[in-house]
């Protein structure tokens, strides 16, 4: 369920989506995130230990109160905004 919510949020924000496979080695995931210059990573709490340290991480199964504080109006689309899901 959280994945569907995350995908809809990414699309509504006009952002990009890069699927990351949790079975990839940590070095590969770090390289992929660095290569695409991800500004936000959307994930689940159980997968945090597989990821490199990032300042902008949203856990869909942990951060509902934070997510709920944002405006529910459609955001202005910015083509350069990048959000990634794992």
PDB file of N, CA and C in Angstrom:
ATOM      1  N   UNK A   1       0.817  -1.190   0.000  1.00  0.00           N
ATOM      2  CA  UNK A   1       0.000   0.000   0.000  1.00  0.00           C
ATOM      3  C   UNK A   1       0.865   1.261   0.000  1.00  0.00           C
ATOM      4  N   UNK A   2       1.926   1.254   0.813  1.00  0.00           N
ATOM      5  CA  UNK A   2       2.789   2.425   0.895  1.00  0.00           C
ATOM      6  C   UNK A   2       3.446   2.726  -0.453  1.00  0.00           C
ATOM      7  N   UNK A   3       3.787   1.676  -1.204  1.00  0.00           N
ATOM      8  CA  UNK A   3       4.415   1.863  -2.514  1.00  0.00           C
ATOM      9  C   UNK A   3       3.483   2.621  -3.458  1.00  0.00           C
ATOM     10  N   UNK A   4       2.215   2.273  -3.462  1.00  0.00           N
ATOM     11  CA  UNK A   4       1.246   2.956  -4.323  1.00  0.00           C
ATOM     12  C   UNK A   4       1.120   4.422  -3.911  1.00  0.00           C
ATOM     13  N   UNK A   5       1.043   4.670  -2.623  1.00  0.00           N
ATOM     14  CA  UNK A   5       0.960   6.041  -2.117  1.00  0.00           C
ATOM     15  C   UNK A   5       2.207   6.826  -2.534  1.00  0.00           C
ATOM     16  N   UNK A   6       3.372   6.213  -2.383  1.00  0.00           N
ATOM     17  CA  UNK A   6       4.619   6.872  -2.768  1.00  0.00           C
ATOM     18  C   UNK A   6       4.668   7.197  -4.249  1.00  0.00           C
ATOM     19  N   UNK A   7       4.279   6.240  -5.086  1.00  0.00           N
ATOM     20  CA  UNK A   7       4.280   6.470  -6.535  1.00  0.00           C
ATOM     21  C   UNK A   7       3.326   7.586  -6.922  1.00  0.00           C
ATOM     22  N   UNK A   8       2.146   7.608  -6.343  1.00  0.00           N
ATOM     23  CA  UNK A   8       1.193   8.674  -6.642  1.00  0.00           C
ATOM     24  C   UNK A   8       1.729  10.036  -6.209  1.00  0.00           C
ATOM     25  N   UNK A   9       2.380  10.081  -5.054  1.00  0.00           N
ATOM     26  CA  UNK A   9       2.977  11.333  -4.586  1.00  0.00           C
ATOM     27  C   UNK A   9       4.083  11.820  -5.500  1.00  0.00           C
ATOM     28  N   UNK A  10       4.916  10.913  -5.957  1.00  0.00           N
ATOM     29  CA  UNK A  10       6.003  11.269  -6.877  1.00  0.00           C
ATOM     30  C   UNK A  10       5.417  11.817  -8.171  1.00  0.00           C
ATOM     31  N   UNK A  11       4.409  11.141  -8.716  1.00  0.00           N
ATOM     32  CA  UNK A  11       3.806  11.603  -9.966  1.00  0.00           C
ATOM     33  C   UNK A  11       3.106  12.946  -9.778  1.00  0.00           C
ATOM     34  N   UNK A  12       2.400  13.114  -8.671  1.00  0.00           N
ATOM     35  CA  UNK A  12       1.693  14.364  -8.413  1.00  0.00           C
ATOM     36  C   UNK A  12       2.670  15.527  -8.278  1.00  0.00           C
ATOM     37  N   UNK A  13       3.842  15.254  -7.736  1.00  0.00           N
ATOM     38  CA  UNK A  13       4.863  16.294  -7.588  1.00  0.00           C
ATOM     39  C   UNK A  13       5.594  16.576  -8.891  1.00  0.00           C
ATOM     40  N   UNK A  14       5.349  15.756  -9.917  1.00  0.00           N
ATOM     41  CA  UNK A  14       6.043  15.953 -11.188  1.00  0.00           C
ATOM     42  C   UNK A  14       7.501  15.555 -11.116  1.00  0.00           C
ATOM     43  N   UNK A  15       7.808  14.655 -10.209  1.00  0.00           N
ATOM     44  CA  UNK A  15       9.192  14.232  -9.993  1.00  0.00           C
ATOM     45  C   UNK A  15       9.502  12.962 -10.777  1.00  0.00           C
ATOM     46  N   UNK A  16      10.749  12.559 -10.730  1.00  0.00           N
ATOM     47  CA  UNK A  16      11.201  11.342 -11.395  1.00  0.00           C
ATOM     48  C   UNK A  16      11.139  10.168 -10.422  1.00  0.00           C
ATOM     49  N   UNK A  17      11.063   8.980 -10.977  1.00  0.00           N
ATOM     50  CA  UNK A  17      11.002   7.756 -10.179  1.00  0.00           C
ATOM     51  C   UNK A  17      12.093   6.806 -10.646  1.00  0.00           C
ATOM     52  N   UNK A  18      12.894   6.335  -9.736  1.00  0.00           N
ATOM     53  CA  UNK A  18      13.910   5.334 -10.032  1.00  0.00           C
ATOM     54  C   UNK A  18      13.698   4.169  -9.080  1.00  0.00           C
ATOM     55  N   UNK A  19      13.296   3.010  -9.598  1.00  0.00           N
ATOM     56  CA  UNK A  19      13.124   1.861  -8.705  1.00  0.00           C
ATOM     57  C   UNK A  19      14.481   1.322  -8.273  1.00  0.00           C
ATOM     58  N   UNK A  20      14.613   1.037  -6.999  1.00  0.00           N
ATOM     59  CA  UNK A  20      15.834   0.459  -6.452  1.00  0.00           C
ATOM     60  C   UNK A  20      15.491  -0.909  -5.880  1.00  0.00           C
ATOM     61  N   UNK A  21      16.300  -1.887  -6.191  1.00  0.00           N
ATOM     62  CA  UNK A  21      16.072  -3.258  -5.729  1.00  0.00           C
ATOM     63  C   UNK A  21      16.858  -3.486  -4.447  1.00  0.00           C
ATOM     64  N   UNK A  22      16.167  -3.831  -3.377  1.00  0.00           N
ATOM     65  CA  UNK A  22      16.837  -4.016  -2.082  1.00  0.00           C
ATOM     66  C   UNK A  22      17.790  -5.202  -2.071  1.00  0.00           C
ATOM     67  N   UNK A  23      17.762  -6.044  -3.098  1.00  0.00           N
ATOM     68  CA  UNK A  23      18.703  -7.157  -3.158  1.00  0.00           C
ATOM     69  C   UNK A  23      20.054  -6.739  -3.757  1.00  0.00           C
ATOM     70  N   UNK A  24      20.137  -5.517  -4.301  1.00  0.00           N
ATOM     71  CA  UNK A  24      21.414  -5.025  -4.828  1.00  0.00           C
ATOM     72  C   UNK A  24      22.386  -4.786  -3.678  1.00  0.00           C
ATOM     73  N   UNK A  25      23.677  -4.912  -3.934  1.00  0.00           N
ATOM     74  CA  UNK A  25      24.666  -4.582  -2.896  1.00  0.00           C
ATOM     75  C   UNK A  25      24.582  -3.098  -2.521  1.00  0.00           C
ATOM     76  N   UNK A  26      24.924  -2.791  -1.275  1.00  0.00           N
ATOM     77  CA  UNK A  26      24.855  -1.410  -0.789  1.00  0.00           C
ATOM     78  C   UNK A  26      25.666  -0.453  -1.655  1.00  0.00           C
ATOM     79  N   UNK A  27      26.815  -0.914  -2.152  1.00  0.00           N
ATOM     80  CA  UNK A  27      27.656  -0.062  -2.993  1.00  0.00           C
ATOM     81  C   UNK A  27      26.953   0.303  -4.296  1.00  0.00           C
ATOM     82  N   UNK A  28      26.214  -0.644  -4.849  1.00  0.00           N
ATOM     83  CA  UNK A  28      25.464  -0.395  -6.094  1.00  0.00           C
ATOM     84  C   UNK A  28      24.344   0.611  -5.848  1.00  0.00           C
ATOM     85  N   UNK A  29      23.626   0.455  -4.757  1.00  0.00           N
ATOM     86  CA  UNK A  29      22.555   1.398  -4.422  1.00  0.00           C
ATOM     87  C   UNK A  29      23.113   2.802  -4.215  1.00  0.00           C
ATOM     88  N   UNK A  30      24.237   2.886  -3.496  1.00  0.00           N
ATOM     89  CA  UNK A  30      24.868   4.192  -3.266  1.00  0.00           C
ATOM     90  C   UNK A  30      25.283   4.833  -4.583  1.00  0.00           C
ATOM     91  N   UNK A  31      25.856   4.033  -5.476  1.00  0.00           N
ATOM     92  CA  UNK A  31      26.267   4.550  -6.783  1.00  0.00           C
ATOM     93  C   UNK A  31      25.064   5.061  -7.573  1.00  0.00           C
ATOM     94  N   UNK A  32      23.991   4.290  -7.591  1.00  0.00           N
ATOM     95  CA  UNK A  32      22.801   4.689  -8.344  1.00  0.00           C
ATOM     96  C   UNK A  32      22.233   6.006  -7.814  1.00  0.00           C
ATOM     97  N   UNK A  33      22.148   6.142  -6.493  1.00  0.00           N
ATOM     98  CA  UNK A  33      21.619   7.368  -5.907  1.00  0.00           C
ATOM     99  C   UNK A  33      22.522   8.561  -6.190  1.00  0.00           C
ATOM    100  N   UNK A  34      23.825   8.340  -6.137  1.00  0.00           N
ATOM    101  CA  UNK A  34      24.779   9.414  -6.437  1.00  0.00           C
ATOM    102  C   UNK A  34      24.720   9.783  -7.911  1.00  0.00           C
ATOM    103  N   UNK A  35      24.637   8.803  -8.767  1.00  0.00           N
ATOM    104  CA  UNK A  35      24.637   9.034 -10.212  1.00  0.00           C
ATOM    105  C   UNK A  35      23.447   9.872 -10.661  1.00  0.00           C
ATOM    106  N   UNK A  36      22.280   9.627 -10.084  1.00  0.00           N
ATOM    107  CA  UNK A  36      21.089  10.376 -10.477  1.00  0.00           C
ATOM    108  C   UNK A  36      20.893  11.643  -9.655  1.00  0.00           C
ATOM    109  N   UNK A  37      21.767  11.872  -8.684  1.00  0.00           N
ATOM    110  CA  UNK A  37      21.703  13.050  -7.819  1.00  0.00           C
ATOM    111  C   UNK A  37      20.341  13.161  -7.136  1.00  0.00           C
ATOM    112  N   UNK A  38      19.942  12.071  -6.525  1.00  0.00           N
ATOM    113  CA  UNK A  38      18.644  12.032  -5.851  1.00  0.00           C
ATOM    114  C   UNK A  38      18.587  13.061  -4.734  1.00  0.00           C
ATOM    115  N   UNK A  39      17.534  13.859  -4.721  1.00  0.00           N
ATOM    116  CA  UNK A  39      17.383  14.862  -3.662  1.00  0.00           C
ATOM    117  C   UNK A  39      16.556  14.330  -2.493  1.00  0.00           C
ATOM    118  N   UNK A  40      15.679  13.367  -2.747  1.00  0.00           N
ATOM    119  CA  UNK A  40      14.851  12.761  -1.706  1.00  0.00           C
ATOM    120  C   UNK A  40      14.761  11.269  -1.978  1.00  0.00           C
ATOM    121  N   UNK A  41      14.824  10.496  -0.927  1.00  0.00           N
ATOM    122  CA  UNK A  41      14.667   9.048  -1.039  1.00  0.00           C
ATOM    123  C   UNK A  41      13.439   8.653  -0.232  1.00  0.00           C
ATOM    124  N   UNK A  42      12.505   7.970  -0.873  1.00  0.00           N
ATOM    125  CA  UNK A  42      11.302   7.479  -0.199  1.00  0.00           C
ATOM    126  C   UNK A  42      11.451   5.971  -0.056  1.00  0.00           C
ATOM    127  N   UNK A  43      11.303   5.491   1.174  1.00  0.00           N
ATOM    128  CA  UNK A  43      11.539   4.079   1.440  1.00  0.00           C
ATOM    129  C   UNK A  43      10.679   3.615   2.603  1.00  0.00           C
ATOM    130  N   UNK A  44      11.025   2.474   3.166  1.00  0.00           N
ATOM    131  CA  UNK A  44      10.395   1.926   4.363  1.00  0.00           C
ATOM    132  C   UNK A  44      11.458   1.762   5.440  1.00  0.00           C
ATOM    133  N   UNK A  45      11.032   1.812   6.664  1.00  0.00           N
ATOM    134  CA  UNK A  45      11.948   1.722   7.803  1.00  0.00           C
ATOM    135  C   UNK A  45      12.834   0.479   7.745  1.00  0.00           C
ATOM    136  N   UNK A  46      12.300  -0.658   7.334  1.00  0.00           N
ATOM    137  CA  UNK A  46      13.055  -1.915   7.309  1.00  0.00           C
ATOM    138  C   UNK A  46      14.210  -1.890   6.311  1.00  0.00           C
ATOM    139  N   UNK A  47      14.171  -0.989   5.346  1.00  0.00           N
ATOM    140  CA  UNK A  47      15.211  -0.939   4.313  1.00  0.00           C
ATOM    141  C   UNK A  47      16.285   0.106   4.595  1.00  0.00           C
ATOM    142  N   UNK A  48      16.127   0.887   5.647  1.00  0.00           N
ATOM    143  CA  UNK A  48      17.080   1.956   5.936  1.00  0.00           C
ATOM    144  C   UNK A  48      18.512   1.454   6.106  1.00  0.00           C
ATOM    145  N   UNK A  49      18.673   0.292   6.717  1.00  0.00           N
ATOM    146  CA  UNK A  49      20.022  -0.215   6.967  1.00  0.00           C
ATOM    147  C   UNK A  49      20.732  -0.642   5.684  1.00  0.00           C
ATOM    148  N   UNK A  50      20.021  -0.777   4.587  1.00  0.00           N
ATOM    149  CA  UNK A  50      20.625  -1.155   3.306  1.00  0.00           C
ATOM    150  C   UNK A  50      21.096   0.054   2.501  1.00  0.00           C
ATOM    151  N   UNK A  51      20.742   1.237   2.958  1.00  0.00           N
ATOM    152  CA  UNK A  51      20.984   2.455   2.185  1.00  0.00           C
ATOM    153  C   UNK A  51      22.114   3.282   2.767  1.00  0.00           C
ATOM    154  N   UNK A  52      22.776   4.063   1.915  1.00  0.00           N
ATOM    155  CA  UNK A  52      23.786   4.984   2.431  1.00  0.00           C
ATOM    156  C   UNK A  52      23.103   6.106   3.216  1.00  0.00           C
ATOM    157  N   UNK A  53      23.847   6.735   4.103  1.00  0.00           N
ATOM    158  CA  UNK A  53      23.307   7.859   4.874  1.00  0.00           C
ATOM    159  C   UNK A  53      22.864   8.963   3.932  1.00  0.00           C
ATOM    160  N   UNK A  54      21.661   9.453   4.139  1.00  0.00           N
ATOM    161  CA  UNK A  54      21.114  10.534   3.314  1.00  0.00           C
ATOM    162  C   UNK A  54      20.414  11.509   4.243  1.00  0.00           C
ATOM    163  N   UNK A  55      20.456  12.772   3.888  1.00  0.00           N
ATOM    164  CA  UNK A  55      19.786  13.763   4.714  1.00  0.00           C
ATOM    165  C   UNK A  55      18.294  13.845   4.435  1.00  0.00           C
ATOM    166  N   UNK A  56      17.882  13.527   3.234  1.00  0.00           N
ATOM    167  CA  UNK A  56      16.471  13.639   2.860  1.00  0.00           C
ATOM    168  C   UNK A  56      15.874  12.257   2.609  1.00  0.00           C
ATOM    169  N   UNK A  57      15.425  11.626   3.683  1.00  0.00           N
ATOM    170  CA  UNK A  57      14.796  10.312   3.593  1.00  0.00           C
ATOM    171  C   UNK A  57      13.406  10.408   4.204  1.00  0.00           C
ATOM    172  N   UNK A  58      12.427   9.883   3.496  1.00  0.00           N
ATOM    173  CA  UNK A  58      11.057   9.797   4.006  1.00  0.00           C
ATOM    174  C   UNK A  58      10.696   8.320   4.068  1.00  0.00           C
ATOM    175  N   UNK A  59      10.328   7.857   5.244  1.00  0.00           N
ATOM    176  CA  UNK A  59       9.882   6.474   5.413  1.00  0.00           C
ATOM    177  C   UNK A  59       8.360   6.474   5.429  1.00  0.00           C
ATOM    178  N   UNK A  60       7.777   5.841   4.433  1.00  0.00           N
ATOM    179  CA  UNK A  60       6.321   5.850   4.313  1.00  0.00           C
ATOM    180  C   UNK A  60       5.624   5.126   5.452  1.00  0.00           C
ATOM    181  N   UNK A  61       6.295   4.215   6.113  1.00  0.00           N
ATOM    182  CA  UNK A  61       5.671   3.503   7.230  1.00  0.00           C
ATOM    183  C   UNK A  61       6.023   4.115   8.589  1.00  0.00           C
ATOM    184  N   UNK A  62       6.718   5.248   8.588  1.00  0.00           N
ATOM    185  CA  UNK A  62       7.134   5.877   9.839  1.00  0.00           C
ATOM    186  C   UNK A  62       6.748   7.351   9.911  1.00  0.00           C
ATOM    187  N   UNK A  63       6.717   8.038   8.795  1.00  0.00           N
ATOM    188  CA  UNK A  63       6.620   9.497   8.780  1.00  0.00           C
ATOM    189  C   UNK A  63       5.245  10.038   8.399  1.00  0.00           C
ATOM    190  N   UNK A  64       4.169   9.312   8.719  1.00  0.00           N
ATOM    191  CA  UNK A  64       2.832   9.759   8.327  1.00  0.00           C
ATOM    192  C   UNK A  64       2.471  11.097   8.936  1.00  0.00           C
ATOM    193  N   UNK A  65       2.868  11.357  10.178  1.00  0.00           N
ATOM    194  CA  UNK A  65       2.543  12.648  10.803  1.00  0.00           C
ATOM    195  C   UNK A  65       3.242  13.786  10.056  1.00  0.00           C
ATOM    196  N   UNK A  66       4.490  13.598   9.709  1.00  0.00           N
ATOM    197  CA  UNK A  66       5.235  14.605   8.949  1.00  0.00           C
ATOM    198  C   UNK A  66       4.615  14.803   7.570  1.00  0.00           C
ATOM    199  N   UNK A  67       4.298  13.722   6.891  1.00  0.00           N
ATOM    200  CA  UNK A  67       3.701  13.797   5.557  1.00  0.00           C
ATOM    201  C   UNK A  67       2.357  14.522   5.623  1.00  0.00           C
ATOM    202  N   UNK A  68       1.580  14.262   6.649  1.00  0.00           N
ATOM    203  CA  UNK A  68       0.267  14.870   6.795  1.00  0.00           C
ATOM    204  C   UNK A  68       0.294  16.360   7.038  1.00  0.00           C
ATOM    205  N   UNK A  69       1.440  16.926   7.407  1.00  0.00           N
ATOM    206  CA  UNK A  69       1.563  18.363   7.652  1.00  0.00           C
ATOM    207  C   UNK A  69       1.689  19.170   6.367  1.00  0.00           C
ATOM    208  N   UNK A  70       1.988  18.493   5.268  1.00  0.00           N
ATOM    209  CA  UNK A  70       2.142  19.209   4.005  1.00  0.00           C
ATOM    210  C   UNK A  70       0.782  19.537   3.417  1.00  0.00           C
ATOM    211  N   UNK A  71       0.760  20.577   2.618  1.00  0.00           N
ATOM    212  CA  UNK A  71      -0.458  21.032   1.951  1.00  0.00           C
ATOM    213  C   UNK A  71      -0.986  19.932   1.027  1.00  0.00           C
ATOM    214  N   UNK A  72      -2.294  19.794   0.967  1.00  0.00           N
ATOM    215  CA  UNK A  72      -2.875  18.773   0.099  1.00  0.00           C
ATOM    216  C   UNK A  72      -3.222  19.307  -1.290  1.00  0.00           C
ATOM    217  N   UNK A  73      -2.853  20.550  -1.572  1.00  0.00           N
ATOM    218  CA  UNK A  73      -3.068  21.132  -2.900  1.00  0.00           C
ATOM    219  C   UNK A  73      -1.992  20.631  -3.855  1.00  0.00           C
ATOM    220  N   UNK A  74      -2.299  20.589  -5.130  1.00  0.00           N
ATOM    221  CA  UNK A  74      -1.331  20.150  -6.141  1.00  0.00           C
ATOM    222  C   UNK A  74      -0.136  21.106  -6.144  1.00  0.00           C
ATOM    223  N   UNK A  75       1.071  20.567  -6.027  1.00  0.00           N
ATOM    224  CA  UNK A  75       2.261  21.432  -6.022  1.00  0.00           C
ATOM    225  C   UNK A  75       2.576  21.935  -7.424  1.00  0.00           C
ATOM    226  N   UNK A  76       3.329  23.032  -7.473  1.00  0.00           N
ATOM    227  CA  UNK A  76       3.820  23.518  -8.755  1.00  0.00           C
ATOM    228  C   UNK A  76       4.831  22.511  -9.283  1.00  0.00           C
ATOM    229  N   UNK A  77       4.731  22.174 -10.534  1.00  0.00           N
ATOM    230  CA  UNK A  77       5.622  21.177 -11.132  1.00  0.00           C
ATOM    231  C   UNK A  77       6.964  21.815 -11.447  1.00  0.00           C
ATOM    232  N   UNK A  78       8.031  21.144 -11.012  1.00  0.00           N
ATOM    233  CA  UNK A  78       9.388  21.575 -11.307  1.00  0.00           C
ATOM    234  C   UNK A  78      10.091  20.405 -11.974  1.00  0.00           C
ATOM    235  N   UNK A  79      10.467  20.569 -13.201  1.00  0.00           N
ATOM    236  CA  UNK A  79      11.061  19.471 -13.971  1.00  0.00           C
ATOM    237  C   UNK A  79      12.366  18.972 -13.371  1.00  0.00           C
ATOM    238  N   UNK A  80      13.057  19.776 -12.599  1.00  0.00           N
ATOM    239  CA  UNK A  80      14.353  19.355 -12.072  1.00  0.00           C
ATOM    240  C   UNK A  80      14.228  18.636 -10.729  1.00  0.00           C
ATOM    241  N   UNK A  81      13.045  18.546 -10.144  1.00  0.00           N
ATOM    242  CA  UNK A  81      12.863  17.880  -8.862  1.00  0.00           C
ATOM    243  C   UNK A  81      13.035  16.375  -9.041  1.00  0.00           C
ATOM    244  N   UNK A  82      13.803  15.751  -8.153  1.00  0.00           N
ATOM    245  CA  UNK A  82      14.035  14.318  -8.234  1.00  0.00           C
ATOM    246  C   UNK A  82      13.696  13.653  -6.909  1.00  0.00           C
ATOM    247  N   UNK A  83      12.857  12.651  -6.970  1.00  0.00           N
ATOM    248  CA  UNK A  83      12.495  11.867  -5.794  1.00  0.00           C
ATOM    249  C   UNK A  83      12.618  10.403  -6.203  1.00  0.00           C
ATOM    250  N   UNK A  84      13.198   9.580  -5.361  1.00  0.00           N
ATOM    251  CA  UNK A  84      13.433   8.170  -5.704  1.00  0.00           C
ATOM    252  C   UNK A  84      12.794   7.270  -4.692  1.00  0.00           C
ATOM    253  N   UNK A  85      12.302   6.174  -5.137  1.00  0.00           N
ATOM    254  CA  UNK A  85      11.675   5.184  -4.265  1.00  0.00           C
ATOM    255  C   UNK A  85      12.485   3.909  -4.224  1.00  0.00           C
ATOM    256  N   UNK A  86      12.452   3.269  -3.101  1.00  0.00           N
ATOM    257  CA  UNK A  86      13.082   1.950  -2.996  1.00  0.00           C
ATOM    258  C   UNK A  86      12.104   1.036  -2.360  1.00  0.00           C
TER     259      UNK A  86
END
